[in-house]
C-alpha atoms as a PDB file:
ATOM      1  CA  MET A   1     -15.317 -14.754  13.762  1.00  0.00           C
ATOM      2  CA  ASN A   2     -13.878 -17.678  11.811  1.00  0.00           C
ATOM      3  CA  ARG A   3     -12.132 -15.273   9.409  1.00  0.00           C
ATOM      4  CA  LEU A   4     -10.066 -13.604  12.137  1.00  0.00           C
ATOM      5  CA  PRO A   5      -7.184 -16.116  12.167  1.00  0.00           C
ATOM      6  CA  ALA A   6      -6.878 -15.946   8.367  1.00  0.00           C
ATOM      7  CA  LEU A   7      -7.066 -12.156   8.488  1.00  0.00           C
ATOM      8  CA  ALA A   8      -4.358 -12.024  11.161  1.00  0.00           C
ATOM      9  CA  GLY A   9      -2.198 -14.474   9.237  1.00  0.00           C
ATOM     10  CA  MET A  10      -2.477 -12.562   5.987  1.00  0.00           C
ATOM     11  CA  PHE A  11      -1.588  -9.195   7.489  1.00  0.00           C
ATOM     12  CA  ALA A  12       1.213 -10.596   9.652  1.00  0.00           C
ATOM     13  CA  TYR A  13       2.650 -12.262   6.544  1.00  0.00           C
ATOM     14  CA  LEU A  14       2.339  -9.065   4.479  1.00  0.00           C
ATOM     15  CA  SER A  15       3.920  -7.115   7.312  1.00  0.00           C
ATOM     16  CA  LEU A  16       7.017  -9.306   7.263  1.00  0.00           C
ATOM     17  CA  VAL A  17       7.515  -9.642   3.505  1.00  0.00           C
ATOM     18  CA  THR A  18       6.848  -6.075   2.449  1.00  0.00           C
ATOM     19  CA  PHE A  19       9.888  -3.971   1.660  1.00  0.00           C
ATOM     20  CA  GLY A  20       9.151  -0.528   0.314  1.00  0.00           C
ATOM     21  CA  GLY A  21       5.798   0.224   1.906  1.00  0.00           C
ATOM     22  CA  GLY A  22       2.190  -0.406   1.040  1.00  0.00           C
ATOM     23  CA  MET A  23       2.594  -0.248  -2.717  1.00  0.00           C
ATOM     24  CA  ALA A  24       5.036  -3.144  -2.538  1.00  0.00           C
ATOM     25  CA  ALA A  25       2.430  -5.188  -0.639  1.00  0.00           C
ATOM     26  CA  PHE A  26      -0.346  -4.510  -3.124  1.00  0.00           C
ATOM     27  CA  PRO A  27       0.192  -7.435  -5.546  1.00  0.00           C
ATOM     28  CA  GLU A  28       0.347  -9.995  -2.732  1.00  0.00           C
ATOM     29  CA  LEU A  29      -2.598  -8.373  -0.948  1.00  0.00           C
ATOM     30  CA  LYS A  30      -4.589  -8.661  -4.176  1.00  0.00           C
ATOM     31  CA  THR A  31      -3.624 -12.307  -4.603  1.00  0.00           C
ATOM     32  CA  ILE A  32      -4.657 -13.269  -1.080  1.00  0.00           C
ATOM     33  CA  ALA A  33      -7.644 -11.013  -0.317  1.00  0.00           C
ATOM     34  CA  VAL A  34      -9.222 -10.997  -3.790  1.00  0.00           C
ATOM     35  CA  GLU A  35      -8.180 -14.170  -5.593  1.00  0.00           C
ATOM     36  CA  GLN A  36      -7.706 -16.696  -2.779  1.00  0.00           C
ATOM     37  CA  GLU A  37      -9.975 -15.638   0.086  1.00  0.00           C
ATOM     38  CA  HIS A  38     -12.567 -13.682  -1.978  1.00  0.00           C
ATOM     39  CA  TRP A  39     -13.029 -11.183   0.844  1.00  0.00           C
ATOM     40  CA  LEU A  40     -13.138  -8.299  -1.633  1.00  0.00           C
ATOM     41  CA  ASN A  41     -13.323  -7.781  -5.339  1.00  0.00           C
ATOM     42  CA  PHE A  42     -10.498  -5.984  -7.145  1.00  0.00           C
ATOM     43  CA  SER A  43     -12.501  -2.781  -7.433  1.00  0.00           C
ATOM     44  CA  GLN A  44     -13.091  -2.684  -3.661  1.00  0.00           C
ATOM     45  CA  LEU A  45      -9.391  -3.301  -2.998  1.00  0.00           C
ATOM     46  CA  ILE A  46      -8.427  -0.446  -5.317  1.00  0.00           C
ATOM     47  CA  HIS A  47     -10.948   1.804  -3.578  1.00  0.00           C
ATOM     48  CA  PHE A  48      -9.655   0.943  -0.086  1.00  0.00           C
ATOM     49  CA  PHE A  49      -6.058   1.361  -1.233  1.00  0.00           C
ATOM     50  CA  SER A  50      -6.742   4.699  -2.944  1.00  0.00           C
ATOM     51  CA  VAL A  51      -8.555   6.140   0.055  1.00  0.00           C
ATOM     52  CA  GLY A  52      -5.722   4.946   2.305  1.00  0.00           C
ATOM     53  CA  GLN A  53      -3.152   6.629   0.058  1.00  0.00           C
ATOM     54  CA  ALA A  54      -5.097   9.889  -0.101  1.00  0.00           C
ATOM     55  CA  ALA A  55      -5.770  10.098   3.628  1.00  0.00           C
ATOM     56  CA  PRO A  56      -3.269  11.753   5.949  1.00  0.00           C
ATOM     57  CA  GLY A  57      -1.134   9.506   8.122  1.00  0.00           C
ATOM     58  CA  PRO A  58       0.392   6.088   7.498  1.00  0.00           C
ATOM     59  CA  LYS A  59      -0.583   4.866   4.060  1.00  0.00           C
ATOM     60  CA  MET A  60      -1.291   1.278   5.036  1.00  0.00           C
ATOM     61  CA  MET A  61      -4.056   2.214   7.445  1.00  0.00           C
ATOM     62  CA  MET A  62      -6.313   0.774   4.782  1.00  0.00           C
ATOM     63  CA  VAL A  63      -5.631  -2.579   6.464  1.00  0.00           C
ATOM     64  CA  VAL A  64      -8.068  -1.406   9.146  1.00  0.00           C
ATOM     65  CA  THR A  65     -10.713  -0.764   6.491  1.00  0.00           C
ATOM     66  CA  ILE A  66     -10.176  -4.200   4.981  1.00  0.00           C
ATOM     67  CA  GLY A  67     -10.359  -5.817   8.425  1.00  0.00           C
ATOM     68  CA  GLN A  68     -13.588  -3.915   9.118  1.00  0.00           C
ATOM     69  CA  HIS A  69     -15.041  -5.040   5.789  1.00  0.00           C
ATOM     70  CA  VAL A  70     -14.118  -8.675   6.394  1.00  0.00           C
ATOM     71  CA  SER A  71     -14.983  -9.098  10.096  1.00  0.00           C
ATOM     72  CA  GLY A  72     -16.369  -5.881  11.564  1.00  0.00           C
ATOM     73  CA  PRO A  73     -14.717  -3.855  14.331  1.00  0.00           C
ATOM     74  CA  LEU A  74     -12.849  -6.849  15.723  1.00  0.00           C
ATOM     75  CA  GLY A  75     -11.507  -7.562  12.240  1.00  0.00           C
ATOM     76  CA  ALA A  76     -10.292  -3.968  12.021  1.00  0.00           C
ATOM     77  CA  LEU A  77      -8.409  -4.351  15.302  1.00  0.00           C
ATOM     78  CA  VAL A  78      -6.950  -7.731  14.317  1.00  0.00           C
ATOM     79  CA  ALA A  79      -5.791  -6.411  10.934  1.00  0.00           C
ATOM     80  CA  PHE A  80      -4.221  -3.339  12.551  1.00  0.00           C
ATOM     81  CA  VAL A  81      -2.285  -5.295  15.174  1.00  0.00           C
ATOM     82  CA  ALA A  82      -1.329  -8.118  12.804  1.00  0.00           C
ATOM     83  CA  TYR A  83       0.065  -5.697  10.229  1.00  0.00           C
ATOM     84  CA  LEU A  84       1.964  -3.415  12.598  1.00  0.00           C
ATOM     85  CA  ALA A  85       3.200  -5.672  15.414  1.00  0.00           C
ATOM     86  CA  PRO A  86       5.494  -8.100  13.516  1.00  0.00           C
ATOM     87  CA  THR A  87       7.248  -5.367  11.544  1.00  0.00           C
ATOM     88  CA  SER A  88       7.566  -3.129  14.594  1.00  0.00           C
ATOM     89  CA  ILE A  89       9.187  -5.891  16.619  1.00  0.00           C
ATOM     90  CA  LEU A  90      11.463  -6.857  13.724  1.00  0.00           C
ATOM     91  CA  ALA A  91      12.425  -3.233  13.019  1.00  0.00           C
ATOM     92  CA  PHE A  92      13.274  -2.669  16.675  1.00  0.00           C
ATOM     93  CA  GLY A  93      15.540  -5.732  16.735  1.00  0.00           C
ATOM     94  CA  VAL A  94      17.201  -4.991  13.393  1.00  0.00           C
ATOM     95  CA  ALA A  95      17.795  -1.351  14.348  1.00  0.00           C
ATOM     96  CA  ARG A  96      19.611  -2.437  17.501  1.00  0.00           C
ATOM     97  CA  ILE A  97      21.783  -4.882  15.567  1.00  0.00           C
ATOM     98  CA  TRP A  98      22.319  -2.412  12.715  1.00  0.00           C
ATOM     99  CA  ALA A  99      23.593   0.208  15.145  1.00  0.00           C
ATOM    100  CA  ARG A 100      26.150  -2.278  16.461  1.00  0.00           C
ATOM    101  CA  LEU A 101      27.318  -2.994  12.909  1.00  0.00           C
ATOM    102  CA  GLU A 102      28.134   0.645  12.179  1.00  0.00           C
ATOM    103  CA  LYS A 103      31.739  -0.140  11.262  1.00  0.00           C
ATOM    104  CA  TRP A 104      30.989  -3.413   9.457  1.00  0.00           C
ATOM    105  CA  ARG A 105      32.497  -3.236   5.974  1.00  0.00           C
ATOM    106  CA  TRP A 106      29.449  -4.857   4.295  1.00  0.00           C
ATOM    107  CA  ARG A 107      26.906  -2.495   5.837  1.00  0.00           C
ATOM    108  CA  ASN A 108      26.892   0.043   2.988  1.00  0.00           C
ATOM    109  CA  ALA A 109      26.746  -2.721   0.370  1.00  0.00           C
ATOM    110  CA  VAL A 110      23.707  -4.287   2.055  1.00  0.00           C
ATOM    111  CA  GLN A 111      21.953  -0.897   2.215  1.00  0.00           C
ATOM    112  CA  ARG A 112      22.713  -0.181  -1.431  1.00  0.00           C
ATOM    113  CA  GLY A 113      21.488  -3.625  -2.456  1.00  0.00           C
ATOM    114  CA  LEU A 114      18.158  -3.271  -0.680  1.00  0.00           C
ATOM    115  CA  ALA A 115      17.252   0.050  -2.312  1.00  0.00           C
ATOM    116  CA  PRO A 116      16.751  -1.385  -5.833  1.00  0.00           C
ATOM    117  CA  VAL A 117      14.775  -4.280  -4.366  1.00  0.00           C
ATOM    118  CA  ALA A 118      12.403  -1.854  -2.640  1.00  0.00           C
ATOM    119  CA  ILE A 119      12.042   0.186  -5.838  1.00  0.00           C
ATOM    120  CA  GLY A 120      11.285  -2.941  -7.874  1.00  0.00           C
ATOM    121  CA  LEU A 121       8.629  -4.034  -5.400  1.00  0.00           C
ATOM    122  CA  ILE A 122       7.044  -0.583  -5.416  1.00  0.00           C
ATOM    123  CA  LEU A 123       6.971  -0.540  -9.235  1.00  0.00           C
ATOM    124  CA  ALA A 124       5.418  -4.024  -9.333  1.00  0.00           C
ATOM    125  CA  GLY A 125       2.719  -2.790  -6.958  1.00  0.00           C
ATOM    126  CA  ALA A 126       2.106   0.322  -9.038  1.00  0.00           C
ATOM    127  CA  ILE A 127       1.719  -1.732 -12.211  1.00  0.00           C
ATOM    128  CA  SER A 128      -0.653  -4.157 -10.487  1.00  0.00           C
ATOM    129  CA  LEU A 129      -2.748  -1.261  -9.183  1.00  0.00           C
ATOM    130  CA  ALA A 130      -2.759   0.479 -12.579  1.00  0.00           C
ATOM    131  CA  ARG A 131      -4.039  -2.649 -14.321  1.00  0.00           C
ATOM    132  CA  GLY A 132      -7.172  -2.555 -12.217  1.00  0.00           C
ATOM    133  CA  ALA A 133      -7.661   1.173 -11.774  1.00  0.00           C
ATOM    134  CA  LEU A 134      -7.080   2.518 -15.274  1.00  0.00           C
ATOM    135  CA  GLU A 135     -10.211   1.327 -17.029  1.00  0.00           C
ATOM    136  CA  SER A 136     -10.456   3.991 -19.726  1.00  0.00           C
ATOM    137  CA  TRP A 137      -8.373   6.503 -21.630  1.00  0.00           C
ATOM    138  CA  VAL A 138      -9.727   9.203 -19.295  1.00  0.00           C
ATOM    139  CA  ASP A 139      -8.345   7.336 -16.272  1.00  0.00           C
ATOM    140  CA  ALA A 140      -4.995   6.930 -18.008  1.00  0.00           C
ATOM    141  CA  ALA A 141      -4.906  10.612 -18.991  1.00  0.00           C
ATOM    142  CA  ILE A 142      -5.623  11.749 -15.434  1.00  0.00           C
ATOM    143  CA  ALA A 143      -2.896   9.421 -14.116  1.00  0.00           C
ATOM    144  CA  ALA A 144      -0.401  10.706 -16.693  1.00  0.00           C
ATOM    145  CA  ILE A 145      -1.174  14.345 -15.868  1.00  0.00           C
ATOM    146  CA  VAL A 146      -0.793  13.711 -12.139  1.00  0.00           C
ATOM    147  CA  PHE A 147       2.471  11.853 -12.720  1.00  0.00           C
ATOM    148  CA  ALA A 148       3.850  14.681 -14.874  1.00  0.00           C
ATOM    149  CA  LEU A 149       2.738  17.363 -12.407  1.00  0.00           C
ATOM    150  CA  LEU A 150       4.371  15.643  -9.469  1.00  0.00           C
ATOM    151  CA  LEU A 151       7.525  14.825 -11.411  1.00  0.00           C
ATOM    152  CA  ARG A 152       8.037  18.220 -13.066  1.00  0.00           C
ATOM    153  CA  THR A 153       6.662  20.750 -10.580  1.00  0.00           C
ATOM    154  CA  LYS A 154       6.665  21.450  -6.879  1.00  0.00           C
ATOM    155  CA  VAL A 155       2.888  21.444  -6.613  1.00  0.00           C
ATOM    156  CA  SER A 156       1.596  20.045  -3.330  1.00  0.00           C
ATOM    157  CA  PRO A 157       0.291  16.466  -3.545  1.00  0.00           C
ATOM    158  CA  ALA A 158      -2.682  17.645  -1.466  1.00  0.00           C
ATOM    159  CA  LEU A 159      -3.650  20.051  -4.254  1.00  0.00           C
ATOM    160  CA  VAL A 160      -3.258  17.274  -6.813  1.00  0.00           C
ATOM    161  CA  VAL A 161      -5.586  15.041  -4.770  1.00  0.00           C
ATOM    162  CA  LEU A 162      -8.118  17.864  -4.478  1.00  0.00           C
ATOM    163  CA  GLY A 163      -7.851  18.613  -8.199  1.00  0.00           C
ATOM    164  CA  GLY A 164      -8.217  14.930  -9.037  1.00  0.00           C
ATOM    165  CA  ALA A 165     -11.351  14.710  -6.927  1.00  0.00           C
ATOM    166  CA  MET A 166     -12.846  17.720  -8.718  1.00  0.00           C
ATOM    167  CA  VAL A 167     -11.930  16.402 -12.176  1.00  0.00           C
ATOM    168  CA  GLY A 168     -13.321  12.992 -11.248  1.00  0.00           C
ATOM    169  CA  ALA A 169     -16.567  14.547 -10.064  1.00  0.00           C
ATOM    170  CA  LEU A 170     -16.921  16.512 -13.284  1.00  0.00           C
ATOM    171  CA  VAL A 171     -15.823  13.824 -15.734  1.00  0.00           C
ATOM    172  CA  PHE A 172     -17.371  10.742 -14.177  1.00  0.00           C
ATOM    173  CA  LYS A 173     -20.556  12.263 -12.788  1.00  0.00           C
ATOM    174  CA  PHE A 174     -21.457  14.623 -15.608  1.00  0.00           C
ATOM    175  CA  GLY A 175     -19.390  13.240 -18.494  1.00  0.00           C
END
């Protein structure tokens, strides 16, 4: 019960500072949840994040899993509300203002300036995740193959996830 305010504070903070989605939040989530609060270890965080990315629906639903891990069902609810409410309220307000600024001459420049920021944050998150998840040359090879497949072909990401699960089962269980 005493972790609930810290859990709510962390996810509300991440909600408001994350541009570019869950991957952009990953480095800060790691810093707070793993290094400062010690609620999880890095391996658990990678597992929760990976399952959240592979599951259908919003990719940051892993916040519910982290909340559950830290403080049970009430922690799951607190994490969910704390992560979604601040951004939802902010997005609603900004969207209303943004619509009024349709003819503002700086609008396009602001939009163009935010895109590289979001990409940089996403790349920083990907690198942080890779540092913990790629523990062997086999891991790195699987990641490189998936990256190449998704970049060069039109194969469904769902098939890539399924294929990755099968390769993982074969390589890591029997290899």
